[in-house]
Amino acid sequence: MLTLKCSKCKGKLFRYLKIGKGEVLKCYKDRITDKFNIEERGECLVCSVCGNKIGVDKGDYYSMVSKSFKYRGAKENKQR
């Protein structure tokens, strides 16, 4: 389980179940468990504290902007 934080204001955004190795390039909506300081504005996913653009809605997942967030936690290595 990963915890994503805004790189601009350091506010907690959401918790995400990451499966597999690699970077967080896409966040599937069904794997987001807890939402904190995040909101949707049109097709964009933004931090509700500072307005930093975090990702773009692509249907089943969000395409993440890589420099706009940081994450901590452990990735699950098994594939589904």
N, C-alpha and C. Protein backbone atom coordinates (compact mmCIF):
# COMPACT_ATOMS: atom_id res chain seq x y z
N MET A 1 0.85 -1.17 0.00
CA MET A 1 0.00 0.00 0.00
C MET A 1 0.89 1.24 0.00
N LEU A 2 0.63 2.16 -0.92
CA LEU A 2 1.38 3.39 -1.02
C LEU A 2 0.54 4.56 -0.53
N THR A 3 1.19 5.55 0.05
CA THR A 3 0.55 6.81 0.41
C THR A 3 1.15 7.88 -0.48
N LEU A 4 0.32 8.54 -1.28
CA LEU A 4 0.78 9.59 -2.19
C LEU A 4 0.59 10.95 -1.53
N LYS A 5 1.64 11.80 -1.65
CA LYS A 5 1.59 13.16 -1.10
C LYS A 5 1.92 14.15 -2.19
N CYS A 6 1.35 15.33 -2.09
CA CYS A 6 1.61 16.41 -3.04
C CYS A 6 3.05 16.90 -2.88
N SER A 7 3.76 17.05 -3.98
CA SER A 7 5.15 17.51 -3.89
C SER A 7 5.24 19.01 -3.63
N LYS A 8 4.17 19.74 -3.84
CA LYS A 8 4.17 21.19 -3.65
C LYS A 8 3.89 21.57 -2.19
N CYS A 9 2.80 21.04 -1.62
CA CYS A 9 2.40 21.44 -0.27
C CYS A 9 2.59 20.33 0.77
N LYS A 10 3.01 19.14 0.34
CA LYS A 10 3.24 17.97 1.20
C LYS A 10 1.98 17.42 1.84
N GLY A 11 0.80 17.79 1.32
CA GLY A 11 -0.46 17.28 1.84
C GLY A 11 -0.71 15.85 1.37
N LYS A 12 -1.32 15.05 2.22
CA LYS A 12 -1.62 13.66 1.89
C LYS A 12 -2.78 13.63 0.89
N LEU A 13 -2.61 12.89 -0.22
CA LEU A 13 -3.60 12.84 -1.28
C LEU A 13 -4.51 11.62 -1.17
N PHE A 14 -3.92 10.44 -1.32
CA PHE A 14 -4.71 9.21 -1.20
C PHE A 14 -3.80 8.02 -0.98
N ARG A 15 -4.43 6.90 -0.59
CA ARG A 15 -3.71 5.63 -0.43
C ARG A 15 -4.05 4.76 -1.62
N TYR A 16 -3.02 4.05 -2.13
CA TYR A 16 -3.17 3.31 -3.38
C TYR A 16 -2.51 1.95 -3.27
N LEU A 17 -3.20 0.92 -3.76
CA LEU A 17 -2.67 -0.44 -3.79
C LEU A 17 -1.89 -0.62 -5.08
N LYS A 18 -0.57 -0.55 -5.00
CA LYS A 18 0.31 -0.69 -6.17
C LYS A 18 0.71 -2.16 -6.28
N ILE A 19 0.45 -2.73 -7.45
CA ILE A 19 0.81 -4.13 -7.72
C ILE A 19 1.88 -4.15 -8.79
N GLY A 20 2.98 -4.81 -8.51
CA GLY A 20 4.06 -4.94 -9.47
C GLY A 20 5.16 -3.93 -9.25
N LYS A 21 6.24 -4.14 -9.98
CA LYS A 21 7.40 -3.26 -9.88
C LYS A 21 7.21 -2.03 -10.76
N GLY A 22 8.10 -1.08 -10.60
CA GLY A 22 8.08 0.09 -11.48
C GLY A 22 7.49 1.32 -10.84
N GLU A 23 7.51 2.39 -11.63
CA GLU A 23 7.04 3.69 -11.18
C GLU A 23 5.51 3.75 -11.18
N VAL A 24 4.98 4.77 -10.53
CA VAL A 24 3.54 5.01 -10.50
C VAL A 24 3.22 5.93 -11.67
N LEU A 25 2.85 5.35 -12.80
CA LEU A 25 2.51 6.12 -14.00
C LEU A 25 1.00 6.21 -14.19
N LYS A 26 0.30 5.17 -13.74
CA LYS A 26 -1.16 5.11 -13.80
C LYS A 26 -1.66 4.71 -12.43
N CYS A 27 -2.76 5.29 -12.00
CA CYS A 27 -3.44 4.88 -10.78
C CYS A 27 -4.85 4.44 -11.15
N TYR A 28 -5.11 3.15 -11.03
CA TYR A 28 -6.43 2.62 -11.34
C TYR A 28 -7.41 3.00 -10.24
N LYS A 29 -8.57 3.46 -10.63
CA LYS A 29 -9.55 4.00 -9.70
C LYS A 29 -10.03 2.97 -8.67
N ASP A 30 -10.13 1.70 -9.08
CA ASP A 30 -10.61 0.68 -8.15
C ASP A 30 -9.57 0.28 -7.10
N ARG A 31 -8.32 0.72 -7.25
CA ARG A 31 -7.27 0.43 -6.27
C ARG A 31 -7.02 1.58 -5.30
N ILE A 32 -7.69 2.71 -5.49
CA ILE A 32 -7.59 3.83 -4.54
C ILE A 32 -8.49 3.53 -3.36
N THR A 33 -7.90 3.48 -2.15
CA THR A 33 -8.69 3.09 -0.98
C THR A 33 -9.18 4.28 -0.18
N ASP A 34 -8.30 5.16 0.24
CA ASP A 34 -8.68 6.31 1.07
C ASP A 34 -8.31 7.60 0.36
N LYS A 35 -9.25 8.53 0.27
CA LYS A 35 -8.98 9.84 -0.33
C LYS A 35 -8.92 10.89 0.77
N PHE A 36 -7.93 11.79 0.69
CA PHE A 36 -7.77 12.81 1.71
C PHE A 36 -7.93 14.21 1.11
N ASN A 37 -6.90 14.77 0.52
CA ASN A 37 -6.92 16.13 -0.02
C ASN A 37 -6.86 16.09 -1.54
N ILE A 38 -7.85 15.48 -2.16
CA ILE A 38 -7.85 15.32 -3.61
C ILE A 38 -9.25 15.61 -4.14
N GLU A 39 -9.32 16.24 -5.30
CA GLU A 39 -10.62 16.48 -5.92
C GLU A 39 -10.48 16.47 -7.44
N GLU A 40 -11.59 16.23 -8.11
CA GLU A 40 -11.61 16.24 -9.57
C GLU A 40 -12.14 17.58 -10.05
N ARG A 41 -11.41 18.19 -10.97
CA ARG A 41 -11.84 19.43 -11.60
C ARG A 41 -11.84 19.18 -13.10
N GLY A 42 -13.01 18.93 -13.64
CA GLY A 42 -13.10 18.57 -15.05
C GLY A 42 -12.47 17.21 -15.27
N GLU A 43 -11.49 17.12 -16.14
CA GLU A 43 -10.78 15.86 -16.37
C GLU A 43 -9.50 15.76 -15.57
N CYS A 44 -9.20 16.75 -14.73
CA CYS A 44 -7.96 16.76 -13.97
C CYS A 44 -8.18 16.35 -12.52
N LEU A 45 -7.18 15.70 -11.96
CA LEU A 45 -7.14 15.34 -10.55
C LEU A 45 -6.17 16.32 -9.90
N VAL A 46 -6.65 17.10 -8.92
CA VAL A 46 -5.83 18.15 -8.32
C VAL A 46 -5.82 18.04 -6.80
N CYS A 47 -4.78 18.60 -6.19
CA CYS A 47 -4.68 18.70 -4.74
C CYS A 47 -5.65 19.79 -4.29
N SER A 48 -6.51 19.48 -3.33
CA SER A 48 -7.51 20.46 -2.90
C SER A 48 -6.91 21.55 -2.01
N VAL A 49 -5.69 21.37 -1.53
CA VAL A 49 -5.06 22.38 -0.68
C VAL A 49 -4.39 23.47 -1.51
N CYS A 50 -3.54 23.07 -2.49
CA CYS A 50 -2.76 24.06 -3.23
C CYS A 50 -3.13 24.16 -4.71
N GLY A 51 -3.96 23.25 -5.23
CA GLY A 51 -4.37 23.30 -6.62
C GLY A 51 -3.39 22.67 -7.59
N ASN A 52 -2.39 21.96 -7.10
CA ASN A 52 -1.39 21.30 -7.94
C ASN A 52 -2.05 20.18 -8.76
N LYS A 53 -1.79 20.14 -10.07
CA LYS A 53 -2.35 19.11 -10.94
C LYS A 53 -1.60 17.80 -10.72
N ILE A 54 -2.32 16.76 -10.32
CA ILE A 54 -1.73 15.47 -9.99
C ILE A 54 -1.86 14.48 -11.14
N GLY A 55 -3.00 14.47 -11.82
CA GLY A 55 -3.21 13.51 -12.90
C GLY A 55 -4.35 13.92 -13.81
N VAL A 56 -4.56 13.09 -14.86
CA VAL A 56 -5.60 13.32 -15.85
C VAL A 56 -6.48 12.07 -15.92
N ASP A 57 -7.79 12.26 -15.90
CA ASP A 57 -8.74 11.16 -15.95
C ASP A 57 -8.75 10.51 -17.33
N LYS A 58 -8.52 9.20 -17.38
CA LYS A 58 -8.50 8.45 -18.64
C LYS A 58 -9.53 7.32 -18.64
N GLY A 59 -10.57 7.45 -17.85
CA GLY A 59 -11.61 6.42 -17.80
C GLY A 59 -11.46 5.54 -16.57
N ASP A 60 -10.82 4.38 -16.72
CA ASP A 60 -10.63 3.46 -15.59
C ASP A 60 -9.46 3.83 -14.70
N TYR A 61 -8.61 4.74 -15.16
CA TYR A 61 -7.41 5.09 -14.41
C TYR A 61 -7.09 6.57 -14.57
N TYR A 62 -6.17 7.05 -13.73
CA TYR A 62 -5.64 8.39 -13.83
C TYR A 62 -4.22 8.29 -14.38
N SER A 63 -3.91 9.06 -15.40
CA SER A 63 -2.55 9.17 -15.91
C SER A 63 -1.86 10.22 -15.05
N MET A 64 -0.84 9.80 -14.31
CA MET A 64 -0.24 10.65 -13.29
C MET A 64 0.85 11.57 -13.86
N VAL A 65 0.93 12.78 -13.31
CA VAL A 65 2.00 13.72 -13.64
C VAL A 65 3.15 13.41 -12.67
N SER A 66 4.27 12.92 -13.19
CA SER A 66 5.29 12.29 -12.36
C SER A 66 5.96 13.22 -11.34
N LYS A 67 6.15 14.47 -11.63
CA LYS A 67 6.84 15.38 -10.71
C LYS A 67 5.91 16.06 -9.71
N SER A 68 4.61 15.79 -9.76
CA SER A 68 3.66 16.51 -8.92
C SER A 68 3.33 15.79 -7.62
N PHE A 69 3.86 14.58 -7.41
CA PHE A 69 3.58 13.84 -6.19
C PHE A 69 4.78 13.00 -5.80
N LYS A 70 4.77 12.60 -4.53
CA LYS A 70 5.76 11.67 -3.99
C LYS A 70 5.00 10.57 -3.28
N TYR A 71 5.63 9.42 -3.13
CA TYR A 71 4.95 8.33 -2.46
C TYR A 71 5.88 7.60 -1.51
N ARG A 72 5.26 6.96 -0.51
CA ARG A 72 5.96 6.13 0.46
C ARG A 72 5.14 4.88 0.66
N GLY A 73 5.81 3.82 1.07
CA GLY A 73 5.12 2.58 1.37
C GLY A 73 5.72 1.44 0.59
N ALA A 74 5.04 0.31 0.62
CA ALA A 74 5.54 -0.91 -0.02
C ALA A 74 4.65 -1.28 -1.20
N LYS A 75 5.31 -1.73 -2.27
CA LYS A 75 4.60 -2.21 -3.44
C LYS A 75 4.40 -3.71 -3.32
N GLU A 76 3.26 -4.18 -3.77
CA GLU A 76 2.98 -5.61 -3.77
C GLU A 76 3.60 -6.21 -5.04
N ASN A 77 4.43 -7.23 -4.90
CA ASN A 77 5.19 -7.75 -6.03
C ASN A 77 4.44 -8.75 -6.90
N LYS A 78 3.39 -9.33 -6.41
CA LYS A 78 2.70 -10.33 -7.22
C LYS A 78 1.84 -9.69 -8.30
N GLN A 79 1.72 -10.35 -9.42
CA GLN A 79 0.89 -9.89 -10.54
C GLN A 79 -0.49 -10.54 -10.45
N ARG A 80 -1.49 -9.83 -10.93
CA ARG A 80 -2.86 -10.39 -10.93
C ARG A 80 -3.14 -11.05 -12.23
